[in-house]
Amino acid sequence: MSQEVMIRHDLRPGDLGRVVLQHGELYAREYGFDHRFEAYVAETLAEFALGFRPDRDRLWLAELDGELVGSVGILGREDGWAQLRWFLVHPSARGRGLGTRLVRECLDFCCAAGCRAVFLWTVDPLVEAARIYERAGFRLTEEKPPAQLWGQTLREQRYDLIFDG
């Protein structure tokens, strides 16, 4: 059994469904999110797929022995901004630096695409993800009051990274 995680961005039939499934199952198990979170992920991935622009949008999939163990995506937005989405590392692949690798892939793509900044929205229980974002240079720029979201009381947080020069 190989232990090398492969990262690809060529989308194949079933990939989007696997990302939705993994988000739905993992966030339910780890954070108690309900079915509405899975629907949210499906809706935003549909936006990505239906409006896909290869020069501005990308979805990376991390696989270990053929199994999906991580994902992250970029959606090009207005005024040189991009949005980082669908970041997830399965527990079986944690502790290998995969999260950092996936975020770095996104940022390298954004730089090559000429983006001036990247933003993302997350929620406060995702502490380890926030650490990865901060190590990559993101800064917390907005925090909403706690609210009911996906069956939980969550605080939404926005992180921004502005590229120099």
N, C-alpha and C. Protein backbone atom coordinates (compact mmCIF):
# COMPACT_ATOMS: atom_id res chain seq x y z
N MET A 1 0.84 -1.18 0.00
CA MET A 1 0.00 0.00 0.00
C MET A 1 0.88 1.24 0.00
N SER A 2 0.74 2.06 -1.03
CA SER A 2 1.50 3.31 -1.12
C SER A 2 0.99 4.30 -0.09
N GLN A 3 1.88 5.13 0.41
CA GLN A 3 1.48 6.14 1.40
C GLN A 3 1.67 7.54 0.84
N GLU A 4 1.85 7.66 -0.47
CA GLU A 4 2.03 8.97 -1.08
C GLU A 4 0.66 9.54 -1.48
N VAL A 5 0.39 10.74 -1.01
CA VAL A 5 -0.84 11.44 -1.39
C VAL A 5 -0.61 12.12 -2.72
N MET A 6 -1.48 11.83 -3.66
CA MET A 6 -1.42 12.45 -4.99
C MET A 6 -2.47 13.56 -5.05
N ILE A 7 -2.10 14.69 -5.62
CA ILE A 7 -3.03 15.80 -5.78
C ILE A 7 -3.22 16.03 -7.27
N ARG A 8 -4.48 16.09 -7.68
CA ARG A 8 -4.78 16.34 -9.10
C ARG A 8 -5.88 17.39 -9.19
N HIS A 9 -6.01 17.97 -10.38
CA HIS A 9 -7.08 18.95 -10.60
C HIS A 9 -7.84 18.69 -11.90
N ASP A 10 -7.60 17.55 -12.51
CA ASP A 10 -8.40 17.17 -13.69
C ASP A 10 -9.69 16.52 -13.16
N LEU A 11 -10.79 17.16 -13.44
CA LEU A 11 -12.07 16.66 -12.91
C LEU A 11 -12.57 15.48 -13.73
N ARG A 12 -13.03 14.47 -13.01
CA ARG A 12 -13.55 13.25 -13.62
C ARG A 12 -14.98 13.03 -13.14
N PRO A 13 -15.77 12.26 -13.90
CA PRO A 13 -17.13 11.96 -13.44
C PRO A 13 -17.11 11.37 -12.03
N GLY A 14 -17.97 11.88 -11.18
CA GLY A 14 -18.08 11.43 -9.81
C GLY A 14 -17.28 12.23 -8.81
N ASP A 15 -16.32 13.03 -9.27
CA ASP A 15 -15.48 13.79 -8.35
C ASP A 15 -16.28 14.77 -7.50
N LEU A 16 -17.17 15.52 -8.13
CA LEU A 16 -17.95 16.51 -7.37
C LEU A 16 -18.82 15.82 -6.33
N GLY A 17 -19.42 14.71 -6.69
CA GLY A 17 -20.24 13.97 -5.75
C GLY A 17 -19.43 13.44 -4.58
N ARG A 18 -18.19 13.00 -4.85
CA ARG A 18 -17.34 12.52 -3.76
C ARG A 18 -16.98 13.64 -2.79
N VAL A 19 -16.75 14.84 -3.32
CA VAL A 19 -16.44 15.99 -2.46
C VAL A 19 -17.64 16.33 -1.59
N VAL A 20 -18.84 16.34 -2.18
CA VAL A 20 -20.05 16.61 -1.42
C VAL A 20 -20.25 15.56 -0.34
N LEU A 21 -20.14 14.29 -0.71
CA LEU A 21 -20.31 13.19 0.24
C LEU A 21 -19.32 13.30 1.39
N GLN A 22 -18.06 13.54 1.09
CA GLN A 22 -17.05 13.60 2.14
C GLN A 22 -17.32 14.78 3.08
N HIS A 23 -17.70 15.93 2.54
CA HIS A 23 -18.03 17.07 3.40
C HIS A 23 -19.23 16.75 4.28
N GLY A 24 -20.27 16.19 3.68
CA GLY A 24 -21.48 15.88 4.44
C GLY A 24 -21.20 14.92 5.59
N GLU A 25 -20.50 13.84 5.31
CA GLU A 25 -20.23 12.83 6.34
C GLU A 25 -19.25 13.33 7.40
N LEU A 26 -18.16 13.94 6.97
CA LEU A 26 -17.13 14.35 7.92
C LEU A 26 -17.60 15.48 8.84
N TYR A 27 -18.25 16.48 8.27
CA TYR A 27 -18.70 17.60 9.11
C TYR A 27 -19.85 17.19 10.03
N ALA A 28 -20.64 16.23 9.63
CA ALA A 28 -21.68 15.71 10.53
C ALA A 28 -21.03 14.98 11.70
N ARG A 29 -20.06 14.15 11.40
CA ARG A 29 -19.39 13.35 12.43
C ARG A 29 -18.57 14.24 13.38
N GLU A 30 -17.80 15.18 12.83
CA GLU A 30 -16.87 15.95 13.67
C GLU A 30 -17.50 17.19 14.31
N TYR A 31 -18.51 17.78 13.67
CA TYR A 31 -19.05 19.06 14.16
C TYR A 31 -20.56 19.06 14.35
N GLY A 32 -21.22 17.96 14.02
CA GLY A 32 -22.66 17.88 14.20
C GLY A 32 -23.48 18.65 13.17
N PHE A 33 -22.87 18.98 12.03
CA PHE A 33 -23.60 19.71 10.98
C PHE A 33 -24.68 18.79 10.41
N ASP A 34 -25.82 19.36 10.04
CA ASP A 34 -26.92 18.57 9.51
C ASP A 34 -26.90 18.53 7.98
N HIS A 35 -27.94 17.96 7.41
CA HIS A 35 -28.03 17.76 5.95
C HIS A 35 -27.97 19.06 5.16
N ARG A 36 -28.30 20.18 5.78
CA ARG A 36 -28.27 21.46 5.06
C ARG A 36 -26.84 21.86 4.68
N PHE A 37 -25.86 21.40 5.47
CA PHE A 37 -24.48 21.70 5.10
C PHE A 37 -24.10 20.96 3.82
N GLU A 38 -24.49 19.71 3.73
CA GLU A 38 -24.21 18.93 2.52
C GLU A 38 -24.87 19.59 1.31
N ALA A 39 -26.11 20.09 1.48
CA ALA A 39 -26.81 20.79 0.40
C ALA A 39 -26.07 22.07 0.01
N TYR A 40 -25.55 22.77 1.00
CA TYR A 40 -24.78 24.00 0.74
C TYR A 40 -23.53 23.69 -0.09
N VAL A 41 -22.82 22.65 0.28
CA VAL A 41 -21.62 22.26 -0.46
C VAL A 41 -22.01 21.87 -1.89
N ALA A 42 -23.09 21.11 -2.04
CA ALA A 42 -23.54 20.71 -3.38
C ALA A 42 -23.91 21.94 -4.22
N GLU A 43 -24.59 22.89 -3.61
CA GLU A 43 -25.01 24.10 -4.33
C GLU A 43 -23.79 24.91 -4.79
N THR A 44 -22.81 25.07 -3.92
CA THR A 44 -21.65 25.88 -4.30
C THR A 44 -20.76 25.15 -5.31
N LEU A 45 -20.69 23.83 -5.20
CA LEU A 45 -19.93 23.07 -6.22
C LEU A 45 -20.65 23.11 -7.57
N ALA A 46 -21.97 23.16 -7.56
CA ALA A 46 -22.73 23.30 -8.81
C ALA A 46 -22.41 24.64 -9.46
N GLU A 47 -22.35 25.70 -8.65
CA GLU A 47 -21.97 27.02 -9.17
C GLU A 47 -20.61 26.93 -9.87
N PHE A 48 -19.67 26.27 -9.20
CA PHE A 48 -18.33 26.09 -9.74
C PHE A 48 -18.37 25.35 -11.07
N ALA A 49 -19.05 24.22 -11.10
CA ALA A 49 -19.06 23.36 -12.28
C ALA A 49 -19.78 24.00 -13.46
N LEU A 50 -20.90 24.64 -13.20
CA LEU A 50 -21.69 25.21 -14.29
C LEU A 50 -21.06 26.46 -14.89
N GLY A 51 -20.28 27.18 -14.10
CA GLY A 51 -19.65 28.39 -14.61
C GLY A 51 -18.15 28.26 -14.75
N PHE A 52 -17.64 27.03 -14.80
CA PHE A 52 -16.20 26.76 -14.78
C PHE A 52 -15.43 27.54 -15.83
N ARG A 53 -14.40 28.25 -15.36
CA ARG A 53 -13.46 28.99 -16.22
C ARG A 53 -12.06 28.50 -15.84
N PRO A 54 -11.43 27.70 -16.67
CA PRO A 54 -10.16 27.07 -16.29
C PRO A 54 -9.05 28.05 -15.92
N ASP A 55 -9.12 29.27 -16.41
CA ASP A 55 -8.08 30.25 -16.09
C ASP A 55 -8.32 30.93 -14.73
N ARG A 56 -9.52 30.74 -14.13
CA ARG A 56 -9.86 31.42 -12.87
C ARG A 56 -10.35 30.48 -11.77
N ASP A 57 -10.77 29.28 -12.14
CA ASP A 57 -11.40 28.36 -11.20
C ASP A 57 -10.66 27.02 -11.23
N ARG A 58 -10.55 26.39 -10.05
CA ARG A 58 -9.91 25.08 -10.01
C ARG A 58 -10.33 24.35 -8.75
N LEU A 59 -10.41 23.03 -8.86
CA LEU A 59 -10.68 22.16 -7.73
C LEU A 59 -9.57 21.12 -7.66
N TRP A 60 -8.90 21.05 -6.52
CA TRP A 60 -7.85 20.07 -6.30
C TRP A 60 -8.40 18.94 -5.46
N LEU A 61 -8.03 17.73 -5.84
CA LEU A 61 -8.45 16.53 -5.12
C LEU A 61 -7.21 15.77 -4.68
N ALA A 62 -7.15 15.45 -3.40
CA ALA A 62 -6.03 14.68 -2.85
C ALA A 62 -6.50 13.24 -2.69
N GLU A 63 -5.71 12.32 -3.18
CA GLU A 63 -6.06 10.90 -3.12
C GLU A 63 -4.91 10.10 -2.52
N LEU A 64 -5.29 9.13 -1.71
CA LEU A 64 -4.34 8.21 -1.11
C LEU A 64 -4.82 6.81 -1.45
N ASP A 65 -4.03 6.09 -2.22
CA ASP A 65 -4.42 4.76 -2.67
C ASP A 65 -5.79 4.77 -3.34
N GLY A 66 -6.05 5.80 -4.15
CA GLY A 66 -7.29 5.89 -4.90
C GLY A 66 -8.48 6.44 -4.15
N GLU A 67 -8.34 6.67 -2.85
CA GLU A 67 -9.44 7.20 -2.04
C GLU A 67 -9.28 8.70 -1.86
N LEU A 68 -10.38 9.43 -1.93
CA LEU A 68 -10.36 10.86 -1.71
C LEU A 68 -10.05 11.14 -0.24
N VAL A 69 -9.00 11.92 0.01
CA VAL A 69 -8.63 12.26 1.38
C VAL A 69 -8.53 13.77 1.60
N GLY A 70 -8.83 14.54 0.58
CA GLY A 70 -8.79 15.98 0.75
C GLY A 70 -9.23 16.71 -0.49
N SER A 71 -9.61 17.97 -0.27
CA SER A 71 -10.02 18.81 -1.39
C SER A 71 -9.87 20.27 -1.02
N VAL A 72 -9.78 21.09 -2.03
CA VAL A 72 -9.81 22.54 -1.89
C VAL A 72 -10.07 23.11 -3.27
N GLY A 73 -10.71 24.27 -3.31
CA GLY A 73 -11.01 24.87 -4.60
C GLY A 73 -10.84 26.38 -4.58
N ILE A 74 -10.77 26.92 -5.77
CA ILE A 74 -10.69 28.37 -5.97
C ILE A 74 -11.75 28.75 -6.99
N LEU A 75 -12.48 29.80 -6.65
CA LEU A 75 -13.42 30.44 -7.59
C LEU A 75 -12.93 31.85 -7.83
N GLY A 76 -12.70 32.21 -9.09
CA GLY A 76 -12.33 33.59 -9.41
C GLY A 76 -13.52 34.50 -9.17
N ARG A 77 -13.28 35.62 -8.53
CA ARG A 77 -14.33 36.60 -8.24
C ARG A 77 -13.98 37.93 -8.91
N GLU A 78 -14.77 38.94 -8.66
CA GLU A 78 -14.58 40.25 -9.29
C GLU A 78 -13.37 40.99 -8.73
N ASP A 79 -12.88 41.95 -9.50
CA ASP A 79 -11.83 42.88 -9.09
C ASP A 79 -10.54 42.20 -8.65
N GLY A 80 -10.19 41.10 -9.28
CA GLY A 80 -8.93 40.44 -8.97
C GLY A 80 -8.94 39.59 -7.72
N TRP A 81 -10.11 39.37 -7.15
CA TRP A 81 -10.22 38.54 -5.95
C TRP A 81 -10.53 37.09 -6.36
N ALA A 82 -10.19 36.17 -5.49
CA ALA A 82 -10.55 34.76 -5.64
C ALA A 82 -11.06 34.27 -4.29
N GLN A 83 -11.91 33.24 -4.32
CA GLN A 83 -12.46 32.68 -3.09
C GLN A 83 -11.98 31.25 -2.93
N LEU A 84 -11.40 30.95 -1.78
CA LEU A 84 -10.98 29.60 -1.44
C LEU A 84 -12.18 28.89 -0.82
N ARG A 85 -12.46 27.67 -1.30
CA ARG A 85 -13.63 26.91 -0.84
C ARG A 85 -13.31 25.42 -0.73
N TRP A 86 -14.20 24.69 -0.07
CA TRP A 86 -14.22 23.21 -0.02
C TRP A 86 -12.94 22.59 0.54
N PHE A 87 -12.33 23.29 1.48
CA PHE A 87 -11.10 22.79 2.09
C PHE A 87 -11.43 21.72 3.12
N LEU A 88 -10.83 20.57 2.93
CA LEU A 88 -11.07 19.44 3.82
C LEU A 88 -9.91 18.47 3.72
N VAL A 89 -9.49 17.97 4.88
CA VAL A 89 -8.52 16.88 4.92
C VAL A 89 -9.14 15.78 5.79
N HIS A 90 -9.29 14.61 5.22
CA HIS A 90 -9.87 13.48 5.93
C HIS A 90 -8.95 13.08 7.09
N PRO A 91 -9.53 12.63 8.20
CA PRO A 91 -8.70 12.22 9.35
C PRO A 91 -7.61 11.22 9.01
N SER A 92 -7.84 10.34 8.06
CA SER A 92 -6.84 9.33 7.69
C SER A 92 -5.60 9.94 7.06
N ALA A 93 -5.68 11.19 6.62
CA ALA A 93 -4.54 11.83 5.95
C ALA A 93 -4.00 13.03 6.73
N ARG A 94 -4.53 13.27 7.90
CA ARG A 94 -4.05 14.41 8.69
C ARG A 94 -2.67 14.11 9.28
N GLY A 95 -1.94 15.18 9.56
CA GLY A 95 -0.61 15.05 10.14
C GLY A 95 0.49 14.83 9.12
N ARG A 96 0.17 14.97 7.85
CA ARG A 96 1.14 14.77 6.76
C ARG A 96 1.49 16.08 6.06
N GLY A 97 0.92 17.20 6.53
CA GLY A 97 1.14 18.47 5.86
C GLY A 97 0.26 18.66 4.64
N LEU A 98 -0.74 17.79 4.47
CA LEU A 98 -1.59 17.85 3.29
C LEU A 98 -2.40 19.15 3.23
N GLY A 99 -2.93 19.58 4.36
CA GLY A 99 -3.70 20.82 4.37
C GLY A 99 -2.88 22.00 3.89
N THR A 100 -1.66 22.09 4.39
CA THR A 100 -0.75 23.16 3.97
C THR A 100 -0.44 23.05 2.48
N ARG A 101 -0.23 21.83 2.00
CA ARG A 101 0.04 21.61 0.57
C ARG A 101 -1.12 22.06 -0.29
N LEU A 102 -2.34 21.71 0.12
CA LEU A 102 -3.52 22.08 -0.66
C LEU A 102 -3.70 23.59 -0.72
N VAL A 103 -3.55 24.25 0.41
CA VAL A 103 -3.68 25.72 0.44
C VAL A 103 -2.58 26.35 -0.41
N ARG A 104 -1.37 25.82 -0.37
CA ARG A 104 -0.27 26.35 -1.18
C ARG A 104 -0.58 26.19 -2.66
N GLU A 105 -1.15 25.06 -3.07
CA GLU A 105 -1.56 24.86 -4.48
C GLU A 105 -2.51 25.97 -4.91
N CYS A 106 -3.48 26.27 -4.05
CA CYS A 106 -4.45 27.33 -4.36
C CYS A 106 -3.77 28.68 -4.54
N LEU A 107 -2.92 29.02 -3.59
CA LEU A 107 -2.28 30.33 -3.64
C LEU A 107 -1.34 30.46 -4.83
N ASP A 108 -0.63 29.39 -5.15
CA ASP A 108 0.24 29.41 -6.34
C ASP A 108 -0.60 29.62 -7.61
N PHE A 109 -1.73 28.94 -7.70
CA PHE A 109 -2.63 29.10 -8.84
C PHE A 109 -3.12 30.54 -8.92
N CYS A 110 -3.53 31.10 -7.79
CA CYS A 110 -4.04 32.47 -7.77
C CYS A 110 -2.97 33.47 -8.22
N CYS A 111 -1.76 33.29 -7.75
CA CYS A 111 -0.66 34.17 -8.18
C CYS A 111 -0.44 34.07 -9.68
N ALA A 112 -0.40 32.85 -10.19
CA ALA A 112 -0.19 32.65 -11.63
C ALA A 112 -1.34 33.21 -12.45
N ALA A 113 -2.55 33.21 -11.88
CA ALA A 113 -3.73 33.74 -12.58
C ALA A 113 -3.84 35.25 -12.47
N GLY A 114 -2.93 35.88 -11.73
CA GLY A 114 -2.94 37.32 -11.60
C GLY A 114 -3.90 37.88 -10.58
N CYS A 115 -4.34 37.05 -9.64
CA CYS A 115 -5.23 37.54 -8.58
C CYS A 115 -4.48 38.51 -7.68
N ARG A 116 -5.20 39.48 -7.16
CA ARG A 116 -4.58 40.40 -6.22
C ARG A 116 -4.86 40.03 -4.78
N ALA A 117 -5.89 39.18 -4.55
CA ALA A 117 -6.24 38.80 -3.19
C ALA A 117 -7.10 37.55 -3.20
N VAL A 118 -7.13 36.87 -2.05
CA VAL A 118 -7.95 35.67 -1.86
C VAL A 118 -8.69 35.84 -0.54
N PHE A 119 -9.96 35.43 -0.53
CA PHE A 119 -10.71 35.42 0.72
C PHE A 119 -11.37 34.07 0.90
N LEU A 120 -11.79 33.82 2.13
CA LEU A 120 -12.54 32.61 2.42
C LEU A 120 -13.45 32.88 3.61
N TRP A 121 -14.51 32.12 3.68
CA TRP A 121 -15.39 32.12 4.85
C TRP A 121 -15.28 30.77 5.51
N THR A 122 -15.24 30.76 6.84
CA THR A 122 -15.19 29.53 7.61
C THR A 122 -16.06 29.74 8.86
N VAL A 123 -16.05 28.78 9.75
CA VAL A 123 -16.78 28.91 11.01
C VAL A 123 -15.83 28.59 12.16
N ASP A 124 -16.14 29.14 13.32
CA ASP A 124 -15.22 29.12 14.44
C ASP A 124 -14.79 27.74 14.96
N PRO A 125 -15.56 26.67 14.84
CA PRO A 125 -15.02 25.39 15.35
C PRO A 125 -13.86 24.83 14.52
N LEU A 126 -13.64 25.33 13.32
CA LEU A 126 -12.60 24.78 12.45
C LEU A 126 -11.25 25.44 12.78
N VAL A 127 -10.77 25.18 13.98
CA VAL A 127 -9.59 25.83 14.52
C VAL A 127 -8.32 25.45 13.76
N GLU A 128 -8.16 24.18 13.45
CA GLU A 128 -6.94 23.76 12.75
C GLU A 128 -6.88 24.34 11.34
N ALA A 129 -8.01 24.39 10.66
CA ALA A 129 -8.03 25.02 9.34
C ALA A 129 -7.62 26.49 9.45
N ALA A 130 -8.13 27.18 10.47
CA ALA A 130 -7.77 28.59 10.66
C ALA A 130 -6.26 28.75 10.87
N ARG A 131 -5.66 27.81 11.59
CA ARG A 131 -4.20 27.86 11.78
C ARG A 131 -3.46 27.74 10.44
N ILE A 132 -3.95 26.85 9.60
CA ILE A 132 -3.32 26.68 8.28
C ILE A 132 -3.47 27.96 7.47
N TYR A 133 -4.65 28.56 7.49
CA TYR A 133 -4.86 29.82 6.77
C TYR A 133 -3.92 30.90 7.27
N GLU A 134 -3.82 31.03 8.58
CA GLU A 134 -2.98 32.08 9.16
C GLU A 134 -1.50 31.85 8.82
N ARG A 135 -1.05 30.61 8.87
CA ARG A 135 0.34 30.32 8.50
C ARG A 135 0.62 30.66 7.03
N ALA A 136 -0.42 30.57 6.20
CA ALA A 136 -0.27 30.88 4.77
C ALA A 136 -0.33 32.39 4.51
N GLY A 137 -0.64 33.18 5.55
CA GLY A 137 -0.67 34.63 5.39
C GLY A 137 -2.05 35.26 5.45
N PHE A 138 -3.09 34.46 5.60
CA PHE A 138 -4.44 35.01 5.74
C PHE A 138 -4.58 35.70 7.09
N ARG A 139 -5.44 36.72 7.12
CA ARG A 139 -5.76 37.42 8.36
C ARG A 139 -7.26 37.47 8.54
N LEU A 140 -7.71 37.26 9.77
CA LEU A 140 -9.13 37.36 10.10
C LEU A 140 -9.56 38.81 9.91
N THR A 141 -10.56 39.05 9.04
CA THR A 141 -10.98 40.42 8.73
C THR A 141 -12.43 40.70 9.10
N GLU A 142 -13.20 39.66 9.37
CA GLU A 142 -14.61 39.87 9.72
C GLU A 142 -15.10 38.68 10.53
N GLU A 143 -15.95 38.96 11.50
CA GLU A 143 -16.55 37.91 12.30
C GLU A 143 -18.00 38.29 12.55
N LYS A 144 -18.90 37.38 12.21
CA LYS A 144 -20.33 37.63 12.42
C LYS A 144 -20.74 37.14 13.81
N PRO A 145 -21.80 37.70 14.36
CA PRO A 145 -22.29 37.20 15.65
C PRO A 145 -22.74 35.74 15.51
N PRO A 146 -22.67 34.98 16.60
CA PRO A 146 -23.12 33.58 16.54
C PRO A 146 -24.56 33.49 16.02
N ALA A 147 -24.79 32.50 15.17
CA ALA A 147 -26.12 32.30 14.58
C ALA A 147 -26.33 30.82 14.32
N GLN A 148 -27.58 30.42 14.13
CA GLN A 148 -27.91 29.04 13.79
C GLN A 148 -27.55 28.79 12.33
N LEU A 149 -26.74 27.80 12.11
CA LEU A 149 -26.29 27.46 10.77
C LEU A 149 -26.02 25.96 10.74
N TRP A 150 -26.67 25.25 9.86
CA TRP A 150 -26.46 23.82 9.66
C TRP A 150 -26.69 23.02 10.95
N GLY A 151 -27.67 23.46 11.73
CA GLY A 151 -28.04 22.75 12.94
C GLY A 151 -27.17 23.05 14.15
N GLN A 152 -26.29 24.02 14.05
CA GLN A 152 -25.38 24.38 15.14
C GLN A 152 -25.38 25.90 15.33
N THR A 153 -24.93 26.36 16.48
CA THR A 153 -24.69 27.78 16.69
C THR A 153 -23.23 28.04 16.33
N LEU A 154 -23.03 28.81 15.27
CA LEU A 154 -21.69 29.02 14.71
C LEU A 154 -21.43 30.50 14.49
N ARG A 155 -20.18 30.85 14.55
CA ARG A 155 -19.73 32.21 14.23
C ARG A 155 -18.99 32.13 12.89
N GLU A 156 -19.53 32.81 11.88
CA GLU A 156 -18.86 32.85 10.58
C GLU A 156 -17.68 33.81 10.64
N GLN A 157 -16.60 33.42 9.99
CA GLN A 157 -15.39 34.22 9.99
C GLN A 157 -14.86 34.35 8.56
N ARG A 158 -14.44 35.57 8.24
CA ARG A 158 -13.83 35.81 6.93
C ARG A 158 -12.34 36.05 7.13
N TYR A 159 -11.57 35.40 6.27
CA TYR A 159 -10.11 35.59 6.23
C TYR A 159 -9.74 36.11 4.86
N ASP A 160 -8.82 37.06 4.82
CA ASP A 160 -8.33 37.65 3.57
C ASP A 160 -6.82 37.52 3.50
N LEU A 161 -6.34 37.36 2.28
CA LEU A 161 -4.91 37.41 2.00
C LEU A 161 -4.73 38.34 0.80
N ILE A 162 -3.98 39.41 0.99
CA ILE A 162 -3.71 40.36 -0.09
C ILE A 162 -2.28 40.09 -0.56
N PHE A 163 -2.12 39.86 -1.85
CA PHE A 163 -0.77 39.61 -2.38
C PHE A 163 -0.01 40.93 -2.50
N ASP A 164 1.25 40.90 -2.16
CA ASP A 164 2.10 42.08 -2.29
C ASP A 164 2.43 42.32 -3.75
N GLY A 165 2.50 43.61 -4.10
CA GLY A 165 2.94 44.01 -5.43
C GLY A 165 1.97 43.63 -6.46
